Amino acid sequence: MLVIKNILIALGAILVMDAIWLGYIARPLYVKGLGEFMHIQDGSVYINYMAAGVVYLCLAVGIAVFVEPKSDGQVINALVW
């Protein structure tokens, strides 16, 4: 049950950070530099939600399974891993 809780926490953190990063900070950079590779419709970027969901879930599971157990509850240890 603890692993599921950690997966959900990691998933929430990843979603928030990625929304801020992709939505506000790096969006102009990505559109300018990677515009020809992106799916842009009517001035907005089309997102493949299925692919994004799989990637976010894999990242969250990886953090919960590999990083969290080695951190011993210490944030600095988690950052190293």
Protein backbone atom coordinates (compact mmCIF):
# COMPACT_ATOMS: atom_id res chain seq x y z
CA MET A 1 0.00 0.00 0.00
CA LEU A 2 2.92 2.32 0.71
CA VAL A 3 4.23 1.81 -2.83
CA ILE A 4 0.88 2.81 -4.33
CA LYS A 5 0.81 5.93 -2.14
CA ASN A 6 4.34 6.83 -3.26
CA ILE A 7 3.41 6.25 -6.90
CA LEU A 8 0.42 8.59 -6.57
CA ILE A 9 2.51 11.26 -4.83
CA ALA A 10 5.23 11.01 -7.50
CA LEU A 11 2.62 11.10 -10.26
CA GLY A 12 1.05 14.25 -8.84
CA ALA A 13 4.41 15.97 -8.45
CA ILE A 14 5.45 15.05 -11.99
CA LEU A 15 2.18 16.32 -13.45
CA VAL A 16 2.39 19.65 -11.63
CA MET A 17 6.04 20.24 -12.53
CA ASP A 18 5.50 19.21 -16.15
CA ALA A 19 2.40 21.38 -16.51
CA ILE A 20 4.32 24.41 -15.25
CA TRP A 21 7.36 23.60 -17.40
CA LEU A 22 5.54 22.79 -20.64
CA GLY A 23 2.67 25.20 -20.16
CA TYR A 24 4.51 28.35 -19.18
CA ILE A 25 8.30 28.22 -19.00
CA ALA A 26 9.50 26.21 -22.00
CA ARG A 27 6.54 26.38 -24.36
CA PRO A 28 7.89 29.22 -26.54
CA LEU A 29 11.29 27.53 -26.64
CA TYR A 30 9.82 24.20 -27.76
CA VAL A 31 7.54 25.76 -30.37
CA LYS A 32 10.45 27.73 -31.81
CA GLY A 33 13.04 24.95 -31.72
CA LEU A 34 10.90 21.86 -32.28
CA GLY A 35 7.93 23.34 -34.11
CA GLU A 36 8.23 21.15 -37.18
CA PHE A 37 8.12 18.01 -35.02
CA MET A 38 5.12 19.10 -32.95
CA HIS A 39 1.45 18.62 -33.82
CA ILE A 40 0.14 22.18 -33.84
CA GLN A 41 -3.53 22.74 -34.67
CA ASP A 42 -5.16 26.18 -34.68
CA GLY A 43 -2.22 27.70 -32.81
CA SER A 44 -2.27 25.18 -29.95
CA VAL A 45 -0.20 22.08 -29.44
CA TYR A 46 -1.96 18.72 -29.78
CA ILE A 47 -0.99 16.39 -26.93
CA ASN A 48 -0.97 12.62 -27.23
CA TYR A 49 -2.51 11.92 -23.83
CA MET A 50 -2.12 8.14 -24.06
CA ALA A 51 1.63 8.39 -24.63
CA ALA A 52 2.00 11.06 -21.95
CA GLY A 53 0.06 8.92 -19.47
CA VAL A 54 2.28 5.90 -20.10
CA VAL A 55 5.44 7.98 -19.69
CA TYR A 56 4.21 9.68 -16.49
CA LEU A 57 3.17 6.35 -15.00
CA CYS A 58 6.55 4.79 -15.83
CA LEU A 59 8.35 7.74 -14.25
CA ALA A 60 6.22 7.58 -11.10
CA VAL A 61 6.66 3.81 -10.73
CA GLY A 62 10.41 4.18 -11.27
CA ILE A 63 10.65 6.83 -8.57
CA ALA A 64 8.53 4.84 -6.11
CA VAL A 65 10.28 1.52 -6.73
CA PHE A 66 13.90 2.52 -7.26
CA VAL A 67 14.49 5.94 -5.68
CA GLU A 68 12.23 6.08 -2.62
CA PRO A 69 13.49 2.87 -0.94
CA LYS A 70 17.11 4.04 -1.22
CA SER A 71 16.39 7.53 0.13
CA ASP A 72 15.79 6.41 3.74
CA GLY A 73 13.36 9.33 4.12
CA GLN A 74 16.08 11.90 3.38
CA VAL A 75 15.44 14.38 0.56
CA ILE A 76 19.15 14.74 -0.24
CA ASN A 77 19.49 10.97 -0.65
CA ALA A 78 16.49 10.94 -2.99
CA LEU A 79 18.03 13.71 -5.09
CA VAL A 80 21.29 11.77 -5.40
CA TRP A 81 19.46 8.68 -6.62
